[in-house]
Amino acid sequence: MRCIEKLDFPFRGDETVLDSGCGDGFVARLLRQRVRRVVAVDVQRFEAWQQTPGLTFSVADARALPFDDETFDIVHSKDSLHHMESPERAIAEYARVLKPGGTALILEANRYNPILYPHMTVANGHEHFTRRMFRKLVLRFFPTARFGACEAHYVPVLERVPRVQHAVEELLEHVPPVRPLLSYNFAVAKQAAAEAVERERRGYKALTVAAALYVLMPFDVIPDFIPYVGHFDDAVVVSLVLVAAKRQWLERLRGLISRRRAEQPEAA
């Protein structure tokens, strides 16, 4: 509950949420208290899963989600990415299934937290992310993401005095030298709004048409006598367009591949 609250995200109450890597479903049930519907998925089934009104569970791989583009208002992912061989594929899927204007809420344990590192990384082999790596992963697909960190350790001996634990955690969060060592890093990553997405798509289309017209011109805009560029101006223009448009086309390609992979088991 503390992790959800520390995201400082204003749930409206009418959202449809994907809880990716839901585990036993405990957090999914907490999320259901704040939204209209939660679809919770994990790579394996848990005995604790129990379908209730507005809450469903199913087996699915976050790297190839079996959902259409722009399906969810929110994607919630906590402590799941570091278990994957290619977490960037999962984040790309989060971006794909989010509606325009939707938000990904991503939380991952801090690799160098002084308690987590010996207990989880050294003893249990969890490859938690450093803060820098976490930010790099998220920014690749959500360039305007907001980042933060929080302390959220559950201490059984303090469960009878939650105010004491809460006070300790709040204190740690407000001590500047401790902030890089807090137990959780999180990102609140908002998908571009529909208008921005449409403007971007129109821009890429116009850019592609302009590049094609340039290549088809019967004369050289850049004279051949200019070293290097003059002889390869068409290739330079096409390369620049591909670099500018690669995100748009790569995201579409990832979505197509993910859907094909999701369909394969059913076809088999």
Protein backbone atom coordinates (compact mmCIF):
# COMPACT_ATOMS: atom_id res chain seq x y z
CA MET A 1 0.00 0.00 0.00
CA ARG A 2 2.86 2.35 0.79
CA CYS A 3 4.41 1.79 -2.64
CA ILE A 4 1.11 2.63 -4.33
CA GLU A 5 0.67 5.77 -2.29
CA LYS A 6 4.25 6.93 -2.88
CA LEU A 7 3.61 6.99 -6.63
CA ASP A 8 1.46 10.06 -5.96
CA PHE A 9 -0.79 9.07 -8.84
CA PRO A 10 -4.37 10.43 -8.94
CA PHE A 11 -6.55 7.39 -9.62
CA ARG A 12 -9.94 8.48 -10.98
CA GLY A 13 -11.73 5.26 -10.08
CA ASP A 14 -12.99 4.35 -13.57
CA GLU A 15 -9.75 3.01 -15.04
CA THR A 16 -8.96 -0.40 -16.49
CA VAL A 17 -5.60 -1.58 -15.14
CA LEU A 18 -3.16 -4.26 -16.24
CA ASP A 19 -1.15 -5.60 -13.29
CA SER A 20 1.86 -7.22 -14.95
CA GLY A 21 3.80 -9.78 -12.94
CA CYS A 22 1.07 -9.92 -10.33
CA GLY A 23 2.45 -12.86 -8.31
CA ASP A 24 -0.12 -14.12 -5.83
CA GLY A 25 -2.43 -11.20 -6.66
CA PHE A 26 -2.18 -9.33 -3.37
CA VAL A 27 -1.26 -6.00 -4.96
CA ALA A 28 -3.87 -6.52 -7.69
CA ARG A 29 -6.52 -6.68 -4.98
CA LEU A 30 -5.22 -3.42 -3.51
CA LEU A 31 -5.38 -1.78 -6.93
CA ARG A 32 -8.94 -3.03 -7.44
CA GLN A 33 -10.01 -0.90 -4.46
CA ARG A 34 -9.01 2.20 -6.44
CA VAL A 35 -10.12 1.44 -10.01
CA ARG A 36 -13.01 -0.08 -11.99
CA ARG A 37 -11.26 -3.18 -13.34
CA VAL A 38 -7.92 -4.99 -12.93
CA VAL A 39 -6.56 -7.61 -15.31
CA ALA A 40 -3.69 -9.37 -13.52
CA VAL A 41 -1.17 -11.58 -15.34
CA ASP A 42 1.92 -13.62 -14.50
CA VAL A 43 4.00 -16.30 -16.23
CA GLN A 44 2.68 -18.96 -13.86
CA ARG A 45 -0.56 -19.63 -12.05
CA PHE A 46 -0.82 -19.10 -8.29
CA GLU A 47 -3.17 -20.96 -5.96
CA ALA A 48 -4.10 -17.66 -4.28
CA TRP A 49 -5.68 -16.33 -7.50
CA GLN A 50 -9.37 -15.78 -7.02
CA GLN A 51 -11.58 -14.09 -9.58
CA THR A 52 -13.86 -11.44 -8.14
CA PRO A 53 -16.04 -8.77 -9.76
CA GLY A 54 -13.67 -6.40 -11.56
CA LEU A 55 -10.60 -8.59 -10.98
CA THR A 56 -9.41 -11.35 -13.31
CA PHE A 57 -6.22 -13.43 -13.41
CA SER A 58 -4.54 -15.18 -16.32
CA VAL A 59 -1.20 -16.62 -17.39
CA ALA A 60 0.72 -14.39 -19.82
CA ASP A 61 4.26 -13.26 -20.58
CA ALA A 62 4.78 -9.52 -20.17
CA ARG A 63 7.17 -9.58 -23.13
CA ALA A 64 4.36 -10.70 -25.46
CA LEU A 65 1.08 -9.56 -23.96
CA PRO A 66 -2.06 -11.13 -25.50
CA PHE A 67 -3.94 -7.81 -25.63
CA ASP A 68 -4.74 -5.38 -28.43
CA ASP A 69 -3.04 -2.03 -28.80
CA GLU A 70 -4.39 0.78 -26.60
CA THR A 71 -6.39 -1.48 -24.26
CA PHE A 72 -5.56 -0.20 -20.76
CA ASP A 73 -5.68 3.13 -18.95
CA ILE A 74 -2.91 2.05 -16.53
CA VAL A 75 -0.19 -0.59 -16.52
CA HIS A 76 1.17 -1.46 -13.08
CA SER A 77 4.42 -3.42 -12.81
CA LYS A 78 6.14 -4.07 -9.49
CA ASP A 79 9.20 -6.27 -8.87
CA SER A 80 8.82 -8.16 -12.15
CA LEU A 81 11.14 -6.61 -14.76
CA HIS A 82 14.36 -7.72 -13.06
CA HIS A 83 13.29 -11.37 -13.47
CA MET A 84 13.24 -11.07 -17.27
CA GLU A 85 16.07 -11.67 -19.71
CA SER A 86 14.87 -8.78 -21.87
CA PRO A 87 12.92 -6.30 -19.70
CA GLU A 88 12.97 -3.75 -22.50
CA ARG A 89 10.55 -5.96 -24.44
CA ALA A 90 8.10 -5.83 -21.56
CA ILE A 91 8.29 -2.04 -21.30
CA ALA A 92 7.71 -1.81 -25.06
CA GLU A 93 4.61 -3.95 -24.54
CA TYR A 94 3.44 -1.68 -21.72
CA ALA A 95 3.69 1.28 -24.10
CA ARG A 96 1.82 -0.65 -26.80
CA VAL A 97 -1.18 -1.72 -24.69
CA LEU A 98 -1.60 1.67 -23.02
CA LYS A 99 -4.27 3.99 -24.35
CA PRO A 100 -3.11 7.43 -25.50
CA GLY A 101 -2.77 9.48 -22.34
CA GLY A 102 -2.50 6.32 -20.21
CA THR A 103 0.18 5.77 -17.57
CA ALA A 104 2.65 3.03 -16.69
CA LEU A 105 3.39 2.72 -12.96
CA ILE A 106 6.67 0.82 -12.65
CA LEU A 107 8.41 -0.05 -9.37
CA GLU A 108 11.64 -1.98 -8.98
CA ALA A 109 13.78 -2.71 -5.93
CA ASN A 110 17.04 -0.79 -5.69
CA ARG A 111 20.01 -3.10 -6.29
CA TYR A 112 22.28 -1.26 -3.87
CA ASN A 113 19.91 -0.93 -0.97
CA PRO A 114 22.03 -2.13 2.00
CA ILE A 115 19.39 -4.64 3.08
CA LEU A 116 18.22 -5.87 -0.31
CA TYR A 117 21.68 -6.36 -1.81
CA PRO A 118 23.01 -9.02 0.61
CA HIS A 119 19.62 -10.65 1.10
CA MET A 120 18.21 -10.66 -2.46
CA THR A 121 21.12 -10.13 -4.87
CA VAL A 122 23.93 -12.05 -3.16
CA ALA A 123 21.94 -14.76 -1.38
CA ASN A 124 19.03 -15.27 -3.80
CA GLY A 125 20.41 -14.15 -7.15
CA HIS A 126 17.90 -11.37 -7.90
CA GLU A 127 19.36 -9.05 -10.53
CA HIS A 128 17.79 -5.85 -9.25
CA PHE A 129 18.46 -2.72 -11.28
CA THR A 130 20.67 0.17 -10.29
CA ARG A 131 18.90 3.53 -10.34
CA ARG A 132 20.75 4.51 -13.51
CA MET A 133 19.82 1.31 -15.35
CA PHE A 134 16.18 1.60 -14.27
CA ARG A 135 15.92 5.15 -15.59
CA LYS A 136 17.59 4.17 -18.87
CA LEU A 137 15.15 1.30 -19.45
CA VAL A 138 12.06 3.41 -18.82
CA LEU A 139 13.21 6.53 -20.71
CA ARG A 140 13.78 4.47 -23.84
CA PHE A 141 10.01 4.09 -24.24
CA PHE A 142 8.64 6.87 -22.03
CA PRO A 143 10.89 9.93 -22.51
CA THR A 144 8.79 12.16 -20.22
CA ALA A 145 8.58 9.74 -17.26
CA ARG A 146 8.69 11.08 -13.71
CA PHE A 147 11.04 9.24 -11.35
CA GLY A 148 11.25 8.90 -7.60
CA ALA A 149 12.37 6.65 -4.76
CA CYS A 150 10.76 5.48 -1.55
CA GLU A 151 11.44 3.31 1.47
CA ALA A 152 9.02 0.40 1.87
CA HIS A 153 10.37 -2.39 4.04
CA TYR A 154 7.94 -4.62 5.83
CA VAL A 155 9.27 -5.36 9.32
CA PRO A 156 7.20 -8.09 11.06
CA VAL A 157 8.25 -7.03 14.56
CA LEU A 158 6.79 -3.57 13.91
CA GLU A 159 3.43 -4.65 12.51
CA ARG A 160 1.77 -3.80 15.85
CA VAL A 161 3.19 -0.30 15.75
CA PRO A 162 2.82 0.76 12.10
CA ARG A 163 3.17 4.41 13.01
CA VAL A 164 6.72 3.77 14.20
CA GLN A 165 7.64 2.01 10.97
CA HIS A 166 5.99 4.74 8.92
CA ALA A 167 7.91 7.42 10.84
CA VAL A 168 11.23 5.64 10.28
CA GLU A 169 10.56 5.26 6.55
CA GLU A 170 9.54 8.89 6.19
CA LEU A 171 12.69 9.98 8.02
CA LEU A 172 14.91 7.92 5.72
CA GLU A 173 13.27 9.43 2.64
CA HIS A 174 14.09 12.95 3.83
CA VAL A 175 17.79 12.38 4.50
CA PRO A 176 19.59 13.39 1.25
CA PRO A 177 22.61 11.03 1.60
CA VAL A 178 20.24 8.08 2.06
CA ARG A 179 18.03 8.72 -0.99
CA PRO A 180 20.21 6.82 -3.50
CA LEU A 181 19.98 3.78 -1.17
CA LEU A 182 16.20 3.72 -0.61
CA SER A 183 14.62 0.32 -1.21
CA TYR A 184 12.48 1.20 -4.25
CA ASN A 185 12.87 3.22 -7.42
CA PHE A 186 9.69 4.05 -9.30
CA ALA A 187 8.57 5.66 -12.53
CA VAL A 188 5.26 7.29 -13.41
CA ALA A 189 5.40 7.12 -17.19
CA LYS A 190 2.65 8.82 -19.14
CA GLN A 191 1.81 7.80 -22.69
CA ALA A 192 1.46 10.60 -25.23
CA ALA A 193 -2.08 11.93 -25.61
CA ALA A 194 -4.08 10.99 -28.69
CA GLU A 195 -3.60 14.39 -30.33
CA ALA A 196 0.17 14.23 -29.90
CA VAL A 197 0.30 10.67 -31.24
CA GLU A 198 -1.70 11.65 -34.32
CA ARG A 199 0.51 14.70 -34.94
CA GLU A 200 3.58 12.50 -34.66
CA ARG A 201 2.15 9.97 -37.11
CA ARG A 202 1.28 12.68 -39.64
CA GLY A 203 4.76 14.12 -39.27
CA TYR A 204 6.42 10.78 -39.98
CA LYS A 205 4.22 10.23 -43.02
CA ALA A 206 5.01 13.68 -44.40
CA LEU A 207 8.70 13.13 -43.75
CA THR A 208 8.64 9.79 -45.56
CA VAL A 209 6.85 11.29 -48.60
CA ALA A 210 9.28 14.22 -48.71
CA ALA A 211 12.26 11.85 -48.64
CA ALA A 212 10.78 9.74 -51.46
CA LEU A 213 10.23 12.83 -53.62
CA TYR A 214 13.78 13.98 -52.96
CA VAL A 215 15.22 10.63 -54.05
CA LEU A 216 13.06 10.62 -57.21
CA MET A 217 14.16 14.11 -58.32
CA PRO A 218 15.84 14.06 -61.75
CA PHE A 219 18.63 16.36 -60.52
CA ASP A 220 20.89 16.65 -57.46
CA VAL A 221 20.00 19.26 -54.86
CA ILE A 222 23.46 18.81 -53.37
CA PRO A 223 26.02 19.05 -56.24
CA ASP A 224 28.26 16.06 -56.87
CA PHE A 225 31.42 18.14 -56.53
CA ILE A 226 30.83 18.49 -52.77
CA PRO A 227 33.00 15.78 -51.16
CA TYR A 228 31.26 12.69 -49.83
CA VAL A 229 27.78 14.16 -49.38
CA GLY A 230 27.41 15.16 -53.02
CA HIS A 231 27.76 11.60 -54.25
CA PHE A 232 25.56 10.04 -51.59
CA ASP A 233 22.95 12.70 -50.88
CA ASP A 234 20.04 10.33 -51.53
CA ALA A 235 21.44 7.78 -49.11
CA VAL A 236 22.07 10.50 -46.52
CA VAL A 237 18.50 11.78 -46.75
CA VAL A 238 16.99 8.28 -46.52
CA SER A 239 19.23 7.47 -43.53
CA LEU A 240 18.18 10.62 -41.71
CA VAL A 241 14.52 9.82 -42.29
CA LEU A 242 14.96 6.26 -41.06
CA VAL A 243 16.71 7.48 -37.93
CA ALA A 244 13.94 10.00 -37.26
CA ALA A 245 11.12 7.54 -37.93
CA LYS A 246 12.62 4.37 -36.47
CA ARG A 247 10.79 4.66 -33.16
CA GLN A 248 7.41 4.87 -34.89
CA TRP A 249 8.05 1.89 -37.19
CA LEU A 250 9.89 -0.20 -34.58
CA GLU A 251 7.01 0.15 -32.13
CA ARG A 252 4.58 -1.05 -34.78
CA LEU A 253 6.88 -3.96 -35.66
CA ARG A 254 7.23 -4.94 -31.98
CA GLY A 255 3.47 -4.89 -31.60
CA LEU A 256 3.02 -7.11 -34.67
CA ILE A 257 5.66 -9.60 -33.48
CA SER A 258 4.18 -9.70 -29.98
CA ARG A 259 0.71 -10.44 -31.30
CA ARG A 260 2.06 -13.19 -33.56
CA ARG A 261 3.91 -14.79 -30.65
CA ALA A 262 0.81 -14.60 -28.49
CA GLU A 263 -1.23 -16.33 -31.21
CA GLN A 264 1.24 -19.18 -31.78
CA PRO A 265 0.37 -21.30 -28.69
CA GLU A 266 -3.34 -21.05 -29.55
CA ALA A 267 -2.67 -22.12 -33.13
CA ALA A 268 -0.51 -25.03 -31.92
